[in-house]
Amino acid sequence: MLTAFALVGAPTLIRAPWVLSAAHAQALLDINSASKSDLDTLPGIGSARADAIIKGRPYRGKDELVQKGIIPQNVYNGIKDKIIAKQK
């Protein structure tokens, strides 16, 4: 026989999915407005690639970094979950 019980007074952390999504979106780096130093913090992006990203602005989508030949696919694969290309 299984018995269910709860610990009285134990805090329960419940987060709505939209709260996590909003927090995640804030953590993404916008390639259309990020500074050179912010871009340089991304893995595989150094000073020269940060300059190339800035020079190639604006981007309609983050995948344009590869389409325009600014970064190779393997570097894009490493940063695609950390960046976004916001539209004005």
PDB file of N, CA and C in Angstrom:
ATOM      1  N   MET A   1       0.832  -1.174   0.000  1.00  0.00           N
ATOM      2  CA  MET A   1       0.000   0.000   0.000  1.00  0.00           C
ATOM      3  C   MET A   1       0.883   1.245   0.000  1.00  0.00           C
ATOM      4  N   LEU A   2       0.577   2.173  -0.892  1.00  0.00           N
ATOM      5  CA  LEU A   2       1.319   3.412  -0.982  1.00  0.00           C
ATOM      6  C   LEU A   2       0.613   4.492  -0.192  1.00  0.00           C
ATOM      7  N   THR A   3       1.394   5.278   0.497  1.00  0.00           N
ATOM      8  CA  THR A   3       0.844   6.378   1.267  1.00  0.00           C
ATOM      9  C   THR A   3       1.484   7.674   0.773  1.00  0.00           C
ATOM     10  N   ALA A   4       0.658   8.652   0.496  1.00  0.00           N
ATOM     11  CA  ALA A   4       1.161   9.947   0.046  1.00  0.00           C
ATOM     12  C   ALA A   4       1.121  10.916   1.210  1.00  0.00           C
ATOM     13  N   PHE A   5       2.181  11.681   1.367  1.00  0.00           N
ATOM     14  CA  PHE A   5       2.193  12.693   2.405  1.00  0.00           C
ATOM     15  C   PHE A   5       3.024  13.877   1.939  1.00  0.00           C
ATOM     16  N   ALA A   6       2.827  15.001   2.563  1.00  0.00           N
ATOM     17  CA  ALA A   6       3.580  16.212   2.236  1.00  0.00           C
ATOM     18  C   ALA A   6       4.263  16.713   3.488  1.00  0.00           C
ATOM     19  N   LEU A   7       5.400  17.309   3.314  1.00  0.00           N
ATOM     20  CA  LEU A   7       6.095  17.904   4.441  1.00  0.00           C
ATOM     21  C   LEU A   7       5.459  19.260   4.728  1.00  0.00           C
ATOM     22  N   VAL A   8       4.961  19.414   5.918  1.00  0.00           N
ATOM     23  CA  VAL A   8       4.311  20.655   6.302  1.00  0.00           C
ATOM     24  C   VAL A   8       5.390  21.723   6.485  1.00  0.00           C
ATOM     25  N   GLY A   9       5.177  22.863   5.865  1.00  0.00           N
ATOM     26  CA  GLY A   9       6.111  23.962   6.004  1.00  0.00           C
ATOM     27  C   GLY A   9       7.253  23.934   5.004  1.00  0.00           C
ATOM     28  N   ALA A  10       7.338  22.874   4.193  1.00  0.00           N
ATOM     29  CA  ALA A  10       8.403  22.805   3.196  1.00  0.00           C
ATOM     30  C   ALA A  10       8.022  23.691   2.017  1.00  0.00           C
ATOM     31  N   PRO A  11       8.913  24.562   1.593  1.00  0.00           N
ATOM     32  CA  PRO A  11       8.596  25.442   0.463  1.00  0.00           C
ATOM     33  C   PRO A  11       8.517  24.656  -0.842  1.00  0.00           C
ATOM     34  N   THR A  12       7.567  25.026  -1.658  1.00  0.00           N
ATOM     35  CA  THR A  12       7.401  24.408  -2.963  1.00  0.00           C
ATOM     36  C   THR A  12       7.641  25.473  -4.018  1.00  0.00           C
ATOM     37  N   LEU A  13       8.520  25.169  -4.946  1.00  0.00           N
ATOM     38  CA  LEU A  13       8.834  26.108  -6.007  1.00  0.00           C
ATOM     39  C   LEU A  13       8.114  25.670  -7.268  1.00  0.00           C
ATOM     40  N   ILE A  14       7.151  26.470  -7.663  1.00  0.00           N
ATOM     41  CA  ILE A  14       6.392  26.188  -8.877  1.00  0.00           C
ATOM     42  C   ILE A  14       6.562  27.389  -9.791  1.00  0.00           C
ATOM     43  N   ARG A  15       7.014  27.128 -11.012  1.00  0.00           N
ATOM     44  CA  ARG A  15       7.187  28.214 -11.971  1.00  0.00           C
ATOM     45  C   ARG A  15       6.339  27.944 -13.198  1.00  0.00           C
ATOM     46  N   ALA A  16       5.686  28.965 -13.625  1.00  0.00           N
ATOM     47  CA  ALA A  16       4.889  28.856 -14.840  1.00  0.00           C
ATOM     48  C   ALA A  16       5.831  28.819 -16.035  1.00  0.00           C
ATOM     49  N   PRO A  17       5.491  28.081 -17.091  1.00  0.00           N
ATOM     50  CA  PRO A  17       6.380  27.969 -18.254  1.00  0.00           C
ATOM     51  C   PRO A  17       6.719  29.311 -18.888  1.00  0.00           C
ATOM     52  N   TRP A  18       5.781  30.259 -18.895  1.00  0.00           N
ATOM     53  CA  TRP A  18       6.055  31.553 -19.503  1.00  0.00           C
ATOM     54  C   TRP A  18       7.083  32.352 -18.702  1.00  0.00           C
ATOM     55  N   VAL A  19       7.185  32.103 -17.410  1.00  0.00           N
ATOM     56  CA  VAL A  19       8.190  32.789 -16.599  1.00  0.00           C
ATOM     57  C   VAL A  19       9.578  32.305 -16.991  1.00  0.00           C
ATOM     58  N   LEU A  20       9.747  31.019 -17.186  1.00  0.00           N
ATOM     59  CA  LEU A  20      11.030  30.478 -17.600  1.00  0.00           C
ATOM     60  C   LEU A  20      11.392  30.975 -18.995  1.00  0.00           C
ATOM     61  N   SER A  21      10.415  31.035 -19.876  1.00  0.00           N
ATOM     62  CA  SER A  21      10.678  31.500 -21.230  1.00  0.00           C
ATOM     63  C   SER A  21      11.116  32.958 -21.231  1.00  0.00           C
ATOM     64  N   ALA A  22      10.485  33.774 -20.436  1.00  0.00           N
ATOM     65  CA  ALA A  22      10.851  35.186 -20.373  1.00  0.00           C
ATOM     66  C   ALA A  22      12.251  35.347 -19.811  1.00  0.00           C
ATOM     67  N   ALA A  23      12.591  34.575 -18.796  1.00  0.00           N
ATOM     68  CA  ALA A  23      13.933  34.641 -18.224  1.00  0.00           C
ATOM     69  C   ALA A  23      14.967  34.177 -19.239  1.00  0.00           C
ATOM     70  N   HIS A  24      14.638  33.142 -19.989  1.00  0.00           N
ATOM     71  CA  HIS A  24      15.556  32.628 -21.002  1.00  0.00           C
ATOM     72  C   HIS A  24      15.742  33.654 -22.109  1.00  0.00           C
ATOM     73  N   ALA A  25      14.677  34.305 -22.536  1.00  0.00           N
ATOM     74  CA  ALA A  25      14.765  35.292 -23.607  1.00  0.00           C
ATOM     75  C   ALA A  25      15.636  36.470 -23.189  1.00  0.00           C
ATOM     76  N   GLN A  26      15.586  36.856 -21.925  1.00  0.00           N
ATOM     77  CA  GLN A  26      16.411  37.953 -21.452  1.00  0.00           C
ATOM     78  C   GLN A  26      17.884  37.585 -21.456  1.00  0.00           C
ATOM     79  N   ALA A  27      18.186  36.311 -21.330  1.00  0.00           N
ATOM     80  CA  ALA A  27      19.569  35.871 -21.289  1.00  0.00           C
ATOM     81  C   ALA A  27      20.180  35.778 -22.688  1.00  0.00           C
ATOM     82  N   LEU A  28      19.351  35.803 -23.733  1.00  0.00           N
ATOM     83  CA  LEU A  28      19.862  35.709 -25.095  1.00  0.00           C
ATOM     84  C   LEU A  28      20.516  37.024 -25.507  1.00  0.00           C
ATOM     85  N   LEU A  29      21.590  36.908 -26.261  1.00  0.00           N
ATOM     86  CA  LEU A  29      22.332  38.069 -26.728  1.00  0.00           C
ATOM     87  C   LEU A  29      21.827  38.451 -28.116  1.00  0.00           C
ATOM     88  N   ASP A  30      21.378  39.682 -28.260  1.00  0.00           N
ATOM     89  CA  ASP A  30      20.839  40.176 -29.530  1.00  0.00           C
ATOM     90  C   ASP A  30      21.994  40.573 -30.440  1.00  0.00           C
ATOM     91  N   ILE A  31      22.173  39.835 -31.533  1.00  0.00           N
ATOM     92  CA  ILE A  31      23.291  40.111 -32.436  1.00  0.00           C
ATOM     93  C   ILE A  31      23.107  41.422 -33.200  1.00  0.00           C
ATOM     94  N   ASN A  32      21.919  41.976 -33.185  1.00  0.00           N
ATOM     95  CA  ASN A  32      21.678  43.253 -33.863  1.00  0.00           C
ATOM     96  C   ASN A  32      22.017  44.466 -32.997  1.00  0.00           C
ATOM     97  N   SER A  33      22.213  44.258 -31.716  1.00  0.00           N
ATOM     98  CA  SER A  33      22.496  45.413 -30.854  1.00  0.00           C
ATOM     99  C   SER A  33      23.611  45.173 -29.839  1.00  0.00           C
ATOM    100  N   ALA A  34      24.118  43.976 -29.739  1.00  0.00           N
ATOM    101  CA  ALA A  34      25.146  43.664 -28.741  1.00  0.00           C
ATOM    102  C   ALA A  34      26.443  44.410 -29.031  1.00  0.00           C
ATOM    103  N   SER A  35      27.130  44.753 -27.981  1.00  0.00           N
ATOM    104  CA  SER A  35      28.415  45.423 -28.126  1.00  0.00           C
ATOM    105  C   SER A  35      29.489  44.416 -28.558  1.00  0.00           C
ATOM    106  N   LYS A  36      30.593  44.938 -29.033  1.00  0.00           N
ATOM    107  CA  LYS A  36      31.704  44.085 -29.446  1.00  0.00           C
ATOM    108  C   LYS A  36      32.175  43.232 -28.274  1.00  0.00           C
ATOM    109  N   SER A  37      32.291  43.817 -27.104  1.00  0.00           N
ATOM    110  CA  SER A  37      32.759  43.063 -25.937  1.00  0.00           C
ATOM    111  C   SER A  37      31.767  41.974 -25.543  1.00  0.00           C
ATOM    112  N   ASP A  38      30.464  42.216 -25.690  1.00  0.00           N
ATOM    113  CA  ASP A  38      29.463  41.184 -25.396  1.00  0.00           C
ATOM    114  C   ASP A  38      29.556  40.041 -26.404  1.00  0.00           C
ATOM    115  N   LEU A  39      29.697  40.381 -27.686  1.00  0.00           N
ATOM    116  CA  LEU A  39      29.821  39.347 -28.723  1.00  0.00           C
ATOM    117  C   LEU A  39      31.079  38.521 -28.511  1.00  0.00           C
ATOM    118  N   ASP A  40      32.139  39.169 -28.093  1.00  0.00           N
ATOM    119  CA  ASP A  40      33.422  38.509 -27.870  1.00  0.00           C
ATOM    120  C   ASP A  40      33.354  37.457 -26.766  1.00  0.00           C
ATOM    121  N   THR A  41      32.368  37.533 -25.897  1.00  0.00           N
ATOM    122  CA  THR A  41      32.233  36.550 -24.811  1.00  0.00           C
ATOM    123  C   THR A  41      31.634  35.231 -25.292  1.00  0.00           C
ATOM    124  N   LEU A  42      31.051  35.224 -26.476  1.00  0.00           N
ATOM    125  CA  LEU A  42      30.466  34.000 -27.008  1.00  0.00           C
ATOM    126  C   LEU A  42      31.569  33.028 -27.420  1.00  0.00           C
ATOM    127  N   PRO A  43      31.359  31.725 -27.199  1.00  0.00           N
ATOM    128  CA  PRO A  43      32.383  30.754 -27.580  1.00  0.00           C
ATOM    129  C   PRO A  43      32.626  30.749 -29.086  1.00  0.00           C
ATOM    130  N   GLY A  44      33.882  30.820 -29.473  1.00  0.00           N
ATOM    131  CA  GLY A  44      34.240  30.793 -30.880  1.00  0.00           C
ATOM    132  C   GLY A  44      34.188  32.144 -31.566  1.00  0.00           C
ATOM    133  N   ILE A  45      33.768  33.167 -30.831  1.00  0.00           N
ATOM    134  CA  ILE A  45      33.704  34.520 -31.387  1.00  0.00           C
ATOM    135  C   ILE A  45      34.803  35.338 -30.731  1.00  0.00           C
ATOM    136  N   GLY A  46      35.736  35.755 -31.501  1.00  0.00           N
ATOM    137  CA  GLY A  46      36.803  36.618 -30.992  1.00  0.00           C
ATOM    138  C   GLY A  46      36.592  38.028 -31.496  1.00  0.00           C
ATOM    139  N   SER A  47      37.608  38.818 -31.382  1.00  0.00           N
ATOM    140  CA  SER A  47      37.531  40.221 -31.772  1.00  0.00           C
ATOM    141  C   SER A  47      37.193  40.392 -33.253  1.00  0.00           C
ATOM    142  N   ALA A  48      37.853  39.633 -34.115  1.00  0.00           N
ATOM    143  CA  ALA A  48      37.631  39.770 -35.565  1.00  0.00           C
ATOM    144  C   ALA A  48      36.213  39.346 -35.951  1.00  0.00           C
ATOM    145  N   ARG A  49      35.724  38.253 -35.390  1.00  0.00           N
ATOM    146  CA  ARG A  49      34.354  37.812 -35.715  1.00  0.00           C
ATOM    147  C   ARG A  49      33.326  38.759 -35.119  1.00  0.00           C
ATOM    148  N   ALA A  50      33.598  39.305 -33.948  1.00  0.00           N
ATOM    149  CA  ALA A  50      32.682  40.293 -33.361  1.00  0.00           C
ATOM    150  C   ALA A  50      32.585  41.509 -34.277  1.00  0.00           C
ATOM    151  N   ASP A  51      33.722  41.955 -34.806  1.00  0.00           N
ATOM    152  CA  ASP A  51      33.714  43.071 -35.754  1.00  0.00           C
ATOM    153  C   ASP A  51      32.909  42.728 -37.002  1.00  0.00           C
ATOM    154  N   ALA A  52      33.081  41.503 -37.510  1.00  0.00           N
ATOM    155  CA  ALA A  52      32.356  41.076 -38.713  1.00  0.00           C
ATOM    156  C   ALA A  52      30.849  41.002 -38.451  1.00  0.00           C
ATOM    157  N   ILE A  53      30.465  40.547 -37.277  1.00  0.00           N
ATOM    158  CA  ILE A  53      29.036  40.487 -36.924  1.00  0.00           C
ATOM    159  C   ILE A  53      28.453  41.895 -36.908  1.00  0.00           C
ATOM    160  N   ILE A  54      29.161  42.816 -36.292  1.00  0.00           N
ATOM    161  CA  ILE A  54      28.688  44.200 -36.219  1.00  0.00           C
ATOM    162  C   ILE A  54      28.604  44.816 -37.613  1.00  0.00           C
ATOM    163  N   LYS A  55      29.598  44.578 -38.441  1.00  0.00           N
ATOM    164  CA  LYS A  55      29.618  45.133 -39.794  1.00  0.00           C
ATOM    165  C   LYS A  55      28.474  44.587 -40.647  1.00  0.00           C
ATOM    166  N   GLY A  56      28.050  43.347 -40.412  1.00  0.00           N
ATOM    167  CA  GLY A  56      27.001  42.716 -41.213  1.00  0.00           C
ATOM    168  C   GLY A  56      25.577  43.041 -40.788  1.00  0.00           C
ATOM    169  N   ARG A  57      25.411  43.856 -39.768  1.00  0.00           N
ATOM    170  CA  ARG A  57      24.074  44.198 -39.283  1.00  0.00           C
ATOM    171  C   ARG A  57      23.299  45.008 -40.303  1.00  0.00           C
ATOM    172  N   PRO A  58      21.980  44.922 -40.273  1.00  0.00           N
ATOM    173  CA  PRO A  58      21.116  44.132 -39.391  1.00  0.00           C
ATOM    174  C   PRO A  58      20.882  42.728 -39.950  1.00  0.00           C
ATOM    175  N   TYR A  59      20.487  41.843 -39.057  1.00  0.00           N
ATOM    176  CA  TYR A  59      20.172  40.458 -39.409  1.00  0.00           C
ATOM    177  C   TYR A  59      18.680  40.225 -39.224  1.00  0.00           C
ATOM    178  N   ARG A  60      18.064  39.549 -40.189  1.00  0.00           N
ATOM    179  CA  ARG A  60      16.645  39.187 -40.070  1.00  0.00           C
ATOM    180  C   ARG A  60      16.486  37.946 -39.215  1.00  0.00           C
ATOM    181  N   GLY A  61      17.504  37.101 -39.187  1.00  0.00           N
ATOM    182  CA  GLY A  61      17.501  35.894 -38.378  1.00  0.00           C
ATOM    183  C   GLY A  61      18.922  35.549 -37.998  1.00  0.00           C
ATOM    184  N   LYS A  62      19.074  34.867 -36.878  1.00  0.00           N
ATOM    185  CA  LYS A  62      20.418  34.557 -36.399  1.00  0.00           C
ATOM    186  C   LYS A  62      21.167  33.620 -37.341  1.00  0.00           C
ATOM    187  N   ASP A  63      20.429  32.828 -38.121  1.00  0.00           N
ATOM    188  CA  ASP A  63      21.073  31.903 -39.058  1.00  0.00           C
ATOM    189  C   ASP A  63      21.775  32.635 -40.202  1.00  0.00           C
ATOM    190  N   GLU A  64      21.501  33.928 -40.366  1.00  0.00           N
ATOM    191  CA  GLU A  64      22.183  34.704 -41.396  1.00  0.00           C
ATOM    192  C   GLU A  64      23.679  34.828 -41.125  1.00  0.00           C
ATOM    193  N   LEU A  65      24.093  34.596 -39.891  1.00  0.00           N
ATOM    194  CA  LEU A  65      25.524  34.626 -39.597  1.00  0.00           C
ATOM    195  C   LEU A  65      26.270  33.594 -40.436  1.00  0.00           C
ATOM    196  N   VAL A  66      25.648  32.452 -40.652  1.00  0.00           N
ATOM    197  CA  VAL A  66      26.246  31.398 -41.481  1.00  0.00           C
ATOM    198  C   VAL A  66      25.972  31.687 -42.951  1.00  0.00           C
ATOM    199  N   GLN A  67      24.740  32.069 -43.271  1.00  0.00           N
ATOM    200  CA  GLN A  67      24.369  32.329 -44.667  1.00  0.00           C
ATOM    201  C   GLN A  67      25.234  33.413 -45.300  1.00  0.00           C
ATOM    202  N   LYS A  68      25.596  34.429 -44.528  1.00  0.00           N
ATOM    203  CA  LYS A  68      26.424  35.517 -45.041  1.00  0.00           C
ATOM    204  C   LYS A  68      27.921  35.211 -44.942  1.00  0.00           C
ATOM    205  N   GLY A  69      28.268  34.035 -44.416  1.00  0.00           N
ATOM    206  CA  GLY A  69      29.671  33.636 -44.316  1.00  0.00           C
ATOM    207  C   GLY A  69      30.448  34.343 -43.220  1.00  0.00           C
ATOM    208  N   ILE A  70      29.757  34.843 -42.219  1.00  0.00           N
ATOM    209  CA  ILE A  70      30.419  35.567 -41.137  1.00  0.00           C
ATOM    210  C   ILE A  70      31.056  34.602 -40.144  1.00  0.00           C
ATOM    211  N   ILE A  71      30.356  33.511 -39.853  1.00  0.00           N
ATOM    212  CA  ILE A  71      30.916  32.471 -38.990  1.00  0.00           C
ATOM    213  C   ILE A  71      30.633  31.112 -39.626  1.00  0.00           C
ATOM    214  N   PRO A  72      31.475  30.117 -39.344  1.00  0.00           N
ATOM    215  CA  PRO A  72      31.226  28.780 -39.876  1.00  0.00           C
ATOM    216  C   PRO A  72      30.119  28.065 -39.093  1.00  0.00           C
ATOM    217  N   GLN A  73      29.568  27.046 -39.696  1.00  0.00           N
ATOM    218  CA  GLN A  73      28.454  26.293 -39.109  1.00  0.00           C
ATOM    219  C   GLN A  73      28.794  25.752 -37.715  1.00  0.00           C
ATOM    220  N   ASN A  74      30.009  25.240 -37.534  1.00  0.00           N
ATOM    221  CA  ASN A  74      30.347  24.657 -36.227  1.00  0.00           C
ATOM    222  C   ASN A  74      30.352  25.706 -35.113  1.00  0.00           C
ATOM    223  N   VAL A  75      30.769  26.923 -35.411  1.00  0.00           N
ATOM    224  CA  VAL A  75      30.724  28.001 -34.417  1.00  0.00           C
ATOM    225  C   VAL A  75      29.271  28.388 -34.149  1.00  0.00           C
ATOM    226  N   TYR A  76      28.477  28.478 -35.213  1.00  0.00           N
ATOM    227  CA  TYR A  76      27.045  28.791 -35.061  1.00  0.00           C
ATOM    228  C   TYR A  76      26.357  27.752 -34.180  1.00  0.00           C
ATOM    229  N   ASN A  77      26.688  26.480 -34.404  1.00  0.00           N
ATOM    230  CA  ASN A  77      26.078  25.413 -33.599  1.00  0.00           C
ATOM    231  C   ASN A  77      26.376  25.595 -32.113  1.00  0.00           C
ATOM    232  N   GLY A  78      27.528  26.160 -31.806  1.00  0.00           N
ATOM    233  CA  GLY A  78      27.898  26.372 -30.415  1.00  0.00           C
ATOM    234  C   GLY A  78      27.252  27.579 -29.761  1.00  0.00           C
ATOM    235  N   ILE A  79      26.740  28.516 -30.575  1.00  0.00           N
ATOM    236  CA  ILE A  79      26.164  29.738 -29.987  1.00  0.00           C
ATOM    237  C   ILE A  79      24.684  29.948 -30.296  1.00  0.00           C
ATOM    238  N   LYS A  80      24.105  29.140 -31.152  1.00  0.00           N
ATOM    239  CA  LYS A  80      22.732  29.402 -31.611  1.00  0.00           C
ATOM    240  C   LYS A  80      21.705  29.447 -30.488  1.00  0.00           C
ATOM    241  N   ASP A  81      21.956  28.755 -29.388  1.00  0.00           N
ATOM    242  CA  ASP A  81      21.021  28.789 -28.268  1.00  0.00           C
ATOM    243  C   ASP A  81      21.291  29.950 -27.317  1.00  0.00           C
ATOM    244  N   LYS A  82      22.292  30.773 -27.643  1.00  0.00           N
ATOM    245  CA  LYS A  82      22.658  31.896 -26.785  1.00  0.00           C
ATOM    246  C   LYS A  82      22.388  33.241 -27.432  1.00  0.00           C
ATOM    247  N   ILE A  83      21.946  33.209 -28.701  1.00  0.00           N
ATOM    248  CA  ILE A  83      21.765  34.467 -29.437  1.00  0.00           C
ATOM    249  C   ILE A  83      20.355  34.583 -30.007  1.00  0.00           C
ATOM    250  N   ILE A  84      20.032  35.805 -30.373  1.00  0.00           N
ATOM    251  CA  ILE A  84      18.758  36.110 -31.014  1.00  0.00           C
ATOM    252  C   ILE A  84      19.011  37.298 -31.955  1.00  0.00           C
ATOM    253  N   ALA A  85      18.174  37.435 -32.964  1.00  0.00           N
ATOM    254  CA  ALA A  85      18.262  38.595 -33.864  1.00  0.00           C
ATOM    255  C   ALA A  85      16.928  39.321 -33.791  1.00  0.00           C
ATOM    256  N   LYS A  86      16.826  40.265 -32.878  1.00  0.00           N
ATOM    257  CA  LYS A  86      15.580  41.030 -32.702  1.00  0.00           C
ATOM    258  C   LYS A  86      15.416  42.009 -33.847  1.00  0.00           C
ATOM    259  N   GLN A  87      14.171  42.200 -34.228  1.00  0.00           N
ATOM    260  CA  GLN A  87      13.828  43.151 -35.291  1.00  0.00           C
ATOM    261  C   GLN A  87      13.364  44.461 -34.659  1.00  0.00           C
ATOM    262  N   LYS A  88      13.710  45.557 -35.274  1.00  0.00           N
ATOM    263  CA  LYS A  88      13.280  46.868 -34.752  1.00  0.00           C
ATOM    264  C   LYS A  88      11.914  47.220 -35.258  1.00  0.00           C
TER     265      LYS A  88
END
